[in-house]
Amino acid sequence: MTNDEIIRIINDSLITEFELDSAKMIPEALLYDNLELDSLDRVDMVIVLENAFKFKIREEKEIRDIRTLDDIHKFVINKIRESERAL
């Protein structure tokens, strides 16, 4: 899976789950300020990502540091690449 495909899946999943405006889905978008998500949405976001990519996200430090859409993209891409290297 390419990085562009991963990003598309992330964006599409978040747009569907949180009824987000696709025009706001730019890498610099701040989750709380621009996308208007809240702390409860963060929990749902983890579940959405786990379901979309079939991996578990534990209470990893990295997930707590996510502030932008690009942070999500990089986090998921790194998780997928780590799992590929482990094979």
PDB file of N, CA and C in Angstrom:
ATOM      1  N   MET A   1       0.854  -1.176   0.000  1.00  0.00           N
ATOM      2  CA  MET A   1       0.000   0.000   0.000  1.00  0.00           C
ATOM      3  C   MET A   1       0.899   1.238   0.000  1.00  0.00           C
ATOM      4  N   THR A   2       0.584   2.157  -0.867  1.00  0.00           N
ATOM      5  CA  THR A   2       1.395   3.379  -0.951  1.00  0.00           C
ATOM      6  C   THR A   2       0.985   4.370   0.142  1.00  0.00           C
ATOM      7  N   ASN A   3       1.860   5.335   0.381  1.00  0.00           N
ATOM      8  CA  ASN A   3       1.534   6.385   1.353  1.00  0.00           C
ATOM      9  C   ASN A   3       0.281   7.151   0.936  1.00  0.00           C
ATOM     10  N   ASP A   4       0.143   7.425  -0.364  1.00  0.00           N
ATOM     11  CA  ASP A   4      -1.045   8.141  -0.843  1.00  0.00           C
ATOM     12  C   ASP A   4      -2.320   7.345  -0.582  1.00  0.00           C
ATOM     13  N   GLU A   5      -2.254   6.031  -0.756  1.00  0.00           N
ATOM     14  CA  GLU A   5      -3.426   5.185  -0.478  1.00  0.00           C
ATOM     15  C   GLU A   5      -3.766   5.202   1.012  1.00  0.00           C
ATOM     16  N   ILE A   6      -2.747   5.157   1.846  1.00  0.00           N
ATOM     17  CA  ILE A   6      -2.955   5.206   3.296  1.00  0.00           C
ATOM     18  C   ILE A   6      -3.612   6.529   3.689  1.00  0.00           C
ATOM     19  N   ILE A   7      -3.099   7.610   3.156  1.00  0.00           N
ATOM     20  CA  ILE A   7      -3.653   8.935   3.452  1.00  0.00           C
ATOM     21  C   ILE A   7      -5.109   9.030   2.992  1.00  0.00           C
ATOM     22  N   ARG A   8      -5.402   8.492   1.818  1.00  0.00           N
ATOM     23  CA  ARG A   8      -6.773   8.523   1.312  1.00  0.00           C
ATOM     24  C   ARG A   8      -7.711   7.742   2.229  1.00  0.00           C
ATOM     25  N   ILE A   9      -7.282   6.578   2.682  1.00  0.00           N
ATOM     26  CA  ILE A   9      -8.106   5.765   3.587  1.00  0.00           C
ATOM     27  C   ILE A   9      -8.337   6.503   4.903  1.00  0.00           C
ATOM     28  N   ILE A  10      -7.293   7.098   5.447  1.00  0.00           N
ATOM     29  CA  ILE A  10      -7.426   7.864   6.697  1.00  0.00           C
ATOM     30  C   ILE A  10      -8.436   8.989   6.513  1.00  0.00           C
ATOM     31  N   ASN A  11      -8.227   9.804   5.490  1.00  0.00           N
ATOM     32  CA  ASN A  11      -9.103  10.952   5.264  1.00  0.00           C
ATOM     33  C   ASN A  11     -10.544  10.519   5.030  1.00  0.00           C
ATOM     34  N   ASP A  12     -10.740   9.519   4.179  1.00  0.00           N
ATOM     35  CA  ASP A  12     -12.095   9.041   3.899  1.00  0.00           C
ATOM     36  C   ASP A  12     -12.766   8.501   5.154  1.00  0.00           C
ATOM     37  N   SER A  13     -12.012   7.769   5.968  1.00  0.00           N
ATOM     38  CA  SER A  13     -12.565   7.204   7.203  1.00  0.00           C
ATOM     39  C   SER A  13     -12.974   8.301   8.174  1.00  0.00           C
ATOM     40  N   LEU A  14     -12.134   9.310   8.321  1.00  0.00           N
ATOM     41  CA  LEU A  14     -12.438  10.403   9.243  1.00  0.00           C
ATOM     42  C   LEU A  14     -13.591  11.269   8.726  1.00  0.00           C
ATOM     43  N   ILE A  15     -13.623  11.506   7.431  1.00  0.00           N
ATOM     44  CA  ILE A  15     -14.724  12.273   6.838  1.00  0.00           C
ATOM     45  C   ILE A  15     -16.050  11.569   7.105  1.00  0.00           C
ATOM     46  N   THR A  16     -16.070  10.267   6.894  1.00  0.00           N
ATOM     47  CA  THR A  16     -17.299   9.496   7.091  1.00  0.00           C
ATOM     48  C   THR A  16     -17.701   9.454   8.558  1.00  0.00           C
ATOM     49  N   GLU A  17     -16.762   9.123   9.432  1.00  0.00           N
ATOM     50  CA  GLU A  17     -17.072   8.953  10.854  1.00  0.00           C
ATOM     51  C   GLU A  17     -17.505  10.259  11.518  1.00  0.00           C
ATOM     52  N   PHE A  18     -16.819  11.339  11.208  1.00  0.00           N
ATOM     53  CA  PHE A  18     -17.058  12.596  11.912  1.00  0.00           C
ATOM     54  C   PHE A  18     -17.793  13.641  11.062  1.00  0.00           C
ATOM     55  N   GLU A  19     -18.239  13.219   9.875  1.00  0.00           N
ATOM     56  CA  GLU A  19     -18.967  14.113   8.968  1.00  0.00           C
ATOM     57  C   GLU A  19     -18.196  15.407   8.723  1.00  0.00           C
ATOM     58  N   LEU A  20     -16.931  15.233   8.373  1.00  0.00           N
ATOM     59  CA  LEU A  20     -16.047  16.374   8.145  1.00  0.00           C
ATOM     60  C   LEU A  20     -16.169  16.877   6.713  1.00  0.00           C
ATOM     61  N   ASP A  21     -15.871  18.137   6.529  1.00  0.00           N
ATOM     62  CA  ASP A  21     -15.838  18.759   5.211  1.00  0.00           C
ATOM     63  C   ASP A  21     -14.530  18.344   4.532  1.00  0.00           C
ATOM     64  N   SER A  22     -14.631  17.708   3.386  1.00  0.00           N
ATOM     65  CA  SER A  22     -13.425  17.224   2.699  1.00  0.00           C
ATOM     66  C   SER A  22     -12.473  18.363   2.339  1.00  0.00           C
ATOM     67  N   ALA A  23     -12.989  19.565   2.160  1.00  0.00           N
ATOM     68  CA  ALA A  23     -12.134  20.715   1.840  1.00  0.00           C
ATOM     69  C   ALA A  23     -11.212  21.082   2.996  1.00  0.00           C
ATOM     70  N   LYS A  24     -11.579  20.693   4.204  1.00  0.00           N
ATOM     71  CA  LYS A  24     -10.752  20.995   5.376  1.00  0.00           C
ATOM     72  C   LYS A  24      -9.665  19.946   5.616  1.00  0.00           C
ATOM     73  N   MET A  25      -9.665  18.879   4.837  1.00  0.00           N
ATOM     74  CA  MET A  25      -8.747  17.768   5.061  1.00  0.00           C
ATOM     75  C   MET A  25      -7.395  18.046   4.411  1.00  0.00           C
ATOM     76  N   ILE A  26      -6.704  19.008   4.970  1.00  0.00           N
ATOM     77  CA  ILE A  26      -5.362  19.342   4.504  1.00  0.00           C
ATOM     78  C   ILE A  26      -4.380  18.930   5.604  1.00  0.00           C
ATOM     79  N   PRO A  27      -3.151  18.605   5.250  1.00  0.00           N
ATOM     80  CA  PRO A  27      -2.210  18.108   6.259  1.00  0.00           C
ATOM     81  C   PRO A  27      -2.043  19.021   7.471  1.00  0.00           C
ATOM     82  N   GLU A  28      -2.117  20.323   7.261  1.00  0.00           N
ATOM     83  CA  GLU A  28      -1.893  21.275   8.354  1.00  0.00           C
ATOM     84  C   GLU A  28      -3.111  21.442   9.265  1.00  0.00           C
ATOM     85  N   ALA A  29      -4.232  20.821   8.917  1.00  0.00           N
ATOM     86  CA  ALA A  29      -5.461  21.005   9.694  1.00  0.00           C
ATOM     87  C   ALA A  29      -5.261  20.532  11.135  1.00  0.00           C
ATOM     88  N   LEU A  30      -5.563  21.422  12.064  1.00  0.00           N
ATOM     89  CA  LEU A  30      -5.501  21.085  13.491  1.00  0.00           C
ATOM     90  C   LEU A  30      -6.774  20.340  13.860  1.00  0.00           C
ATOM     91  N   LEU A  31      -6.622  19.230  14.572  1.00  0.00           N
ATOM     92  CA  LEU A  31      -7.784  18.398  14.887  1.00  0.00           C
ATOM     93  C   LEU A  31      -8.843  19.145  15.665  1.00  0.00           C
ATOM     94  N   TYR A  32      -8.415  19.895  16.671  1.00  0.00           N
ATOM     95  CA  TYR A  32      -9.390  20.566  17.527  1.00  0.00           C
ATOM     96  C   TYR A  32      -9.871  21.880  16.925  1.00  0.00           C
ATOM     97  N   ASP A  33      -8.964  22.673  16.407  1.00  0.00           N
ATOM     98  CA  ASP A  33      -9.324  24.002  15.930  1.00  0.00           C
ATOM     99  C   ASP A  33      -9.965  23.986  14.542  1.00  0.00           C
ATOM    100  N   ASN A  34      -9.331  23.311  13.588  1.00  0.00           N
ATOM    101  CA  ASN A  34      -9.826  23.339  12.213  1.00  0.00           C
ATOM    102  C   ASN A  34     -10.890  22.288  11.922  1.00  0.00           C
ATOM    103  N   LEU A  35     -10.695  21.081  12.467  1.00  0.00           N
ATOM    104  CA  LEU A  35     -11.650  20.004  12.197  1.00  0.00           C
ATOM    105  C   LEU A  35     -12.732  19.900  13.267  1.00  0.00           C
ATOM    106  N   GLU A  36     -12.566  20.690  14.329  1.00  0.00           N
ATOM    107  CA  GLU A  36     -13.551  20.794  15.402  1.00  0.00           C
ATOM    108  C   GLU A  36     -13.832  19.462  16.105  1.00  0.00           C
ATOM    109  N   LEU A  37     -12.798  18.657  16.255  1.00  0.00           N
ATOM    110  CA  LEU A  37     -12.916  17.427  17.021  1.00  0.00           C
ATOM    111  C   LEU A  37     -12.654  17.750  18.485  1.00  0.00           C
ATOM    112  N   ASP A  38     -13.112  16.870  19.370  1.00  0.00           N
ATOM    113  CA  ASP A  38     -12.863  17.084  20.794  1.00  0.00           C
ATOM    114  C   ASP A  38     -12.178  15.855  21.382  1.00  0.00           C
ATOM    115  N   SER A  39     -11.950  15.880  22.678  1.00  0.00           N
ATOM    116  CA  SER A  39     -11.201  14.783  23.313  1.00  0.00           C
ATOM    117  C   SER A  39     -11.930  13.449  23.209  1.00  0.00           C
ATOM    118  N   LEU A  40     -13.238  13.451  23.208  1.00  0.00           N
ATOM    119  CA  LEU A  40     -13.987  12.197  23.030  1.00  0.00           C
ATOM    120  C   LEU A  40     -13.837  11.668  21.609  1.00  0.00           C
ATOM    121  N   ASP A  41     -13.746  12.570  20.656  1.00  0.00           N
ATOM    122  CA  ASP A  41     -13.536  12.162  19.269  1.00  0.00           C
ATOM    123  C   ASP A  41     -12.181  11.480  19.092  1.00  0.00           C
ATOM    124  N   ARG A  42     -11.221  11.841  19.927  1.00  0.00           N
ATOM    125  CA  ARG A  42      -9.895  11.211  19.847  1.00  0.00           C
ATOM    126  C   ARG A  42     -10.006   9.702  20.083  1.00  0.00           C
ATOM    127  N   VAL A  43     -10.828   9.314  21.041  1.00  0.00           N
ATOM    128  CA  VAL A  43     -11.042   7.886  21.326  1.00  0.00           C
ATOM    129  C   VAL A  43     -11.688   7.221  20.112  1.00  0.00           C
ATOM    130  N   ASP A  44     -12.705   7.858  19.567  1.00  0.00           N
ATOM    131  CA  ASP A  44     -13.363   7.312  18.381  1.00  0.00           C
ATOM    132  C   ASP A  44     -12.409   7.245  17.196  1.00  0.00           C
ATOM    133  N   MET A  45     -11.537   8.237  17.075  1.00  0.00           N
ATOM    134  CA  MET A  45     -10.572   8.260  15.982  1.00  0.00           C
ATOM    135  C   MET A  45      -9.652   7.037  16.048  1.00  0.00           C
ATOM    136  N   VAL A  46      -9.224   6.684  17.252  1.00  0.00           N
ATOM    137  CA  VAL A  46      -8.373   5.503  17.422  1.00  0.00           C
ATOM    138  C   VAL A  46      -9.111   4.260  16.934  1.00  0.00           C
ATOM    139  N   ILE A  47     -10.365   4.128  17.296  1.00  0.00           N
ATOM    140  CA  ILE A  47     -11.164   2.969  16.883  1.00  0.00           C
ATOM    141  C   ILE A  47     -11.340   2.949  15.360  1.00  0.00           C
ATOM    142  N   VAL A  48     -11.607   4.105  14.778  1.00  0.00           N
ATOM    143  CA  VAL A  48     -11.760   4.206  13.323  1.00  0.00           C
ATOM    144  C   VAL A  48     -10.476   3.758  12.625  1.00  0.00           C
ATOM    145  N   LEU A  49      -9.331   4.220  13.115  1.00  0.00           N
ATOM    146  CA  LEU A  49      -8.051   3.839  12.505  1.00  0.00           C
ATOM    147  C   LEU A  49      -7.758   2.360  12.693  1.00  0.00           C
ATOM    148  N   GLU A  50      -8.057   1.840  13.868  1.00  0.00           N
ATOM    149  CA  GLU A  50      -7.854   0.404  14.113  1.00  0.00           C
ATOM    150  C   GLU A  50      -8.698  -0.431  13.159  1.00  0.00           C
ATOM    151  N   ASN A  51      -9.934  -0.036  12.960  1.00  0.00           N
ATOM    152  CA  ASN A  51     -10.817  -0.780  12.057  1.00  0.00           C
ATOM    153  C   ASN A  51     -10.388  -0.645  10.600  1.00  0.00           C
ATOM    154  N   ALA A  52      -9.964   0.530  10.207  1.00  0.00           N
ATOM    155  CA  ALA A  52      -9.575   0.762   8.818  1.00  0.00           C
ATOM    156  C   ALA A  52      -8.309  -0.005   8.439  1.00  0.00           C
ATOM    157  N   PHE A  53      -7.380  -0.137   9.396  1.00  0.00           N
ATOM    158  CA  PHE A  53      -6.081  -0.726   9.075  1.00  0.00           C
ATOM    159  C   PHE A  53      -5.814  -2.060   9.766  1.00  0.00           C
ATOM    160  N   LYS A  54      -6.756  -2.508  10.577  1.00  0.00           N
ATOM    161  CA  LYS A  54      -6.652  -3.831  11.226  1.00  0.00           C
ATOM    162  C   LYS A  54      -5.392  -3.970  12.077  1.00  0.00           C
ATOM    163  N   PHE A  55      -5.082  -2.922  12.831  1.00  0.00           N
ATOM    164  CA  PHE A  55      -4.026  -3.026  13.832  1.00  0.00           C
ATOM    165  C   PHE A  55      -4.491  -2.336  15.101  1.00  0.00           C
ATOM    166  N   LYS A  56      -3.855  -2.677  16.192  1.00  0.00           N
ATOM    167  CA  LYS A  56      -4.206  -2.104  17.485  1.00  0.00           C
ATOM    168  C   LYS A  56      -3.306  -0.913  17.784  1.00  0.00           C
ATOM    169  N   ILE A  57      -3.913   0.091  18.352  1.00  0.00           N
ATOM    170  CA  ILE A  57      -3.171   1.256  18.815  1.00  0.00           C
ATOM    171  C   ILE A  57      -3.314   1.269  20.327  1.00  0.00           C
ATOM    172  N   ARG A  58      -2.248   0.923  20.977  1.00  0.00           N
ATOM    173  CA  ARG A  58      -2.279   0.948  22.434  1.00  0.00           C
ATOM    174  C   ARG A  58      -2.119   2.381  22.904  1.00  0.00           C
ATOM    175  N   GLU A  59      -2.026   2.549  24.176  1.00  0.00           N
ATOM    176  CA  GLU A  59      -1.789   3.891  24.724  1.00  0.00           C
ATOM    177  C   GLU A  59      -0.344   4.296  24.424  1.00  0.00           C
ATOM    178  N   GLU A  60      -0.086   4.461  23.161  1.00  0.00           N
ATOM    179  CA  GLU A  60       1.249   4.845  22.734  1.00  0.00           C
ATOM    180  C   GLU A  60       1.426   6.349  22.899  1.00  0.00           C
ATOM    181  N   LYS A  61       2.609   6.725  23.284  1.00  0.00           N
ATOM    182  CA  LYS A  61       2.900   8.138  23.483  1.00  0.00           C
ATOM    183  C   LYS A  61       2.601   8.940  22.216  1.00  0.00           C
ATOM    184  N   GLU A  62       2.924   8.371  21.072  1.00  0.00           N
ATOM    185  CA  GLU A  62       2.758   9.083  19.809  1.00  0.00           C
ATOM    186  C   GLU A  62       1.311   9.504  19.564  1.00  0.00           C
ATOM    187  N   ILE A  63       0.357   8.672  19.947  1.00  0.00           N
ATOM    188  CA  ILE A  63      -1.047   8.999  19.696  1.00  0.00           C
ATOM    189  C   ILE A  63      -1.467  10.221  20.515  1.00  0.00           C
ATOM    190  N   ARG A  64      -0.879  10.386  21.668  1.00  0.00           N
ATOM    191  CA  ARG A  64      -1.219  11.541  22.509  1.00  0.00           C
ATOM    192  C   ARG A  64      -0.609  12.835  21.990  1.00  0.00           C
ATOM    193  N   ASP A  65       0.408  12.714  21.154  1.00  0.00           N
ATOM    194  CA  ASP A  65       1.081  13.898  20.612  1.00  0.00           C
ATOM    195  C   ASP A  65       0.487  14.371  19.287  1.00  0.00           C
ATOM    196  N   ILE A  66      -0.506  13.672  18.782  1.00  0.00           N
ATOM    197  CA  ILE A  66      -1.098  14.035  17.497  1.00  0.00           C
ATOM    198  C   ILE A  66      -1.892  15.325  17.631  1.00  0.00           C
ATOM    199  N   ARG A  67      -1.572  16.284  16.776  1.00  0.00           N
ATOM    200  CA  ARG A  67      -2.263  17.574  16.779  1.00  0.00           C
ATOM    201  C   ARG A  67      -2.868  17.920  15.423  1.00  0.00           C
ATOM    202  N   THR A  68      -2.241  17.407  14.342  1.00  0.00           N
ATOM    203  CA  THR A  68      -2.690  17.756  12.989  1.00  0.00           C
ATOM    204  C   THR A  68      -3.056  16.495  12.209  1.00  0.00           C
ATOM    205  N   LEU A  69      -3.712  16.707  11.097  1.00  0.00           N
ATOM    206  CA  LEU A  69      -4.039  15.602  10.210  1.00  0.00           C
ATOM    207  C   LEU A  69      -2.756  14.939   9.705  1.00  0.00           C
ATOM    208  N   ASP A  70      -1.748  15.735   9.425  1.00  0.00           N
ATOM    209  CA  ASP A  70      -0.467  15.184   8.977  1.00  0.00           C
ATOM    210  C   ASP A  70       0.161  14.300  10.054  1.00  0.00           C
ATOM    211  N   ASP A  71      -0.015  14.652  11.325  1.00  0.00           N
ATOM    212  CA  ASP A  71       0.474  13.795  12.417  1.00  0.00           C
ATOM    213  C   ASP A  71      -0.185  12.415  12.356  1.00  0.00           C
ATOM    214  N   ILE A  72      -1.477  12.396  12.060  1.00  0.00           N
ATOM    215  CA  ILE A  72      -2.188  11.114  11.935  1.00  0.00           C
ATOM    216  C   ILE A  72      -1.618  10.331  10.766  1.00  0.00           C
ATOM    217  N   HIS A  73      -1.458  10.994   9.635  1.00  0.00           N
ATOM    218  CA  HIS A  73      -0.908  10.326   8.445  1.00  0.00           C
ATOM    219  C   HIS A  73       0.440   9.688   8.766  1.00  0.00           C
ATOM    220  N   LYS A  74       1.335  10.458   9.353  1.00  0.00           N
ATOM    221  CA  LYS A  74       2.678   9.952   9.661  1.00  0.00           C
ATOM    222  C   LYS A  74       2.621   8.811  10.665  1.00  0.00           C
ATOM    223  N   PHE A  75       1.772   8.930  11.672  1.00  0.00           N
ATOM    224  CA  PHE A  75       1.645   7.883  12.689  1.00  0.00           C
ATOM    225  C   PHE A  75       1.218   6.564  12.053  1.00  0.00           C
ATOM    226  N   VAL A  76       0.167   6.599  11.229  1.00  0.00           N
ATOM    227  CA  VAL A  76      -0.345   5.372  10.617  1.00  0.00           C
ATOM    228  C   VAL A  76       0.659   4.809   9.616  1.00  0.00           C
ATOM    229  N   ILE A  77       1.258   5.658   8.808  1.00  0.00           N
ATOM    230  CA  ILE A  77       2.259   5.185   7.845  1.00  0.00           C
ATOM    231  C   ILE A  77       3.406   4.494   8.586  1.00  0.00           C
ATOM    232  N   ASN A  78       3.883   5.085   9.672  1.00  0.00           N
ATOM    233  CA  ASN A  78       4.961   4.463  10.455  1.00  0.00           C
ATOM    234  C   ASN A  78       4.533   3.126  11.032  1.00  0.00           C
ATOM    235  N   LYS A  79       3.299   3.032  11.553  1.00  0.00           N
ATOM    236  CA  LYS A  79       2.799   1.763  12.100  1.00  0.00           C
ATOM    237  C   LYS A  79       2.763   0.691  11.018  1.00  0.00           C
ATOM    238  N   ILE A  80       2.290   1.045   9.842  1.00  0.00           N
ATOM    239  CA  ILE A  80       2.207   0.075   8.751  1.00  0.00           C
ATOM    240  C   ILE A  80       3.595  -0.347   8.305  1.00  0.00           C
ATOM    241  N   ARG A  81       4.501   0.595   8.177  1.00  0.00           N
ATOM    242  CA  ARG A  81       5.870   0.255   7.744  1.00  0.00           C
ATOM    243  C   ARG A  81       6.577  -0.613   8.789  1.00  0.00           C
ATOM    244  N   GLU A  82       6.352  -0.341  10.068  1.00  0.00           N
ATOM    245  CA  GLU A  82       6.926  -1.174  11.135  1.00  0.00           C
ATOM    246  C   GLU A  82       6.412  -2.606  11.033  1.00  0.00           C
ATOM    247  N   SER A  83       5.125  -2.762  10.786  1.00  0.00           N
ATOM    248  CA  SER A  83       4.556  -4.109  10.694  1.00  0.00           C
ATOM    249  C   SER A  83       5.076  -4.829   9.458  1.00  0.00           C
ATOM    250  N   GLU A  84       5.317  -4.094   8.365  1.00  0.00           N
ATOM    251  CA  GLU A  84       5.877  -4.700   7.165  1.00  0.00           C
ATOM    252  C   GLU A  84       7.305  -5.183   7.404  1.00  0.00           C
ATOM    253  N   ARG A  85       8.080  -4.397   8.140  1.00  0.00           N
ATOM    254  CA  ARG A  85       9.462  -4.786   8.440  1.00  0.00           C
ATOM    255  C   ARG A  85       9.518  -6.004   9.350  1.00  0.00           C
ATOM    256  N   ALA A  86       8.509  -6.160  10.171  1.00  0.00           N
ATOM    257  CA  ALA A  86       8.477  -7.272  11.124  1.00  0.00           C
ATOM    258  C   ALA A  86       8.163  -8.612  10.436  1.00  0.00           C
ATOM    259  N   LEU A  87       7.646  -8.546   9.214  1.00  0.00           N
ATOM    260  CA  LEU A  87       7.301  -9.790   8.512  1.00  0.00           C
ATOM    261  C   LEU A  87       8.477 -10.537   8.010  1.00  0.00           C
TER     262      LEU A  87
END
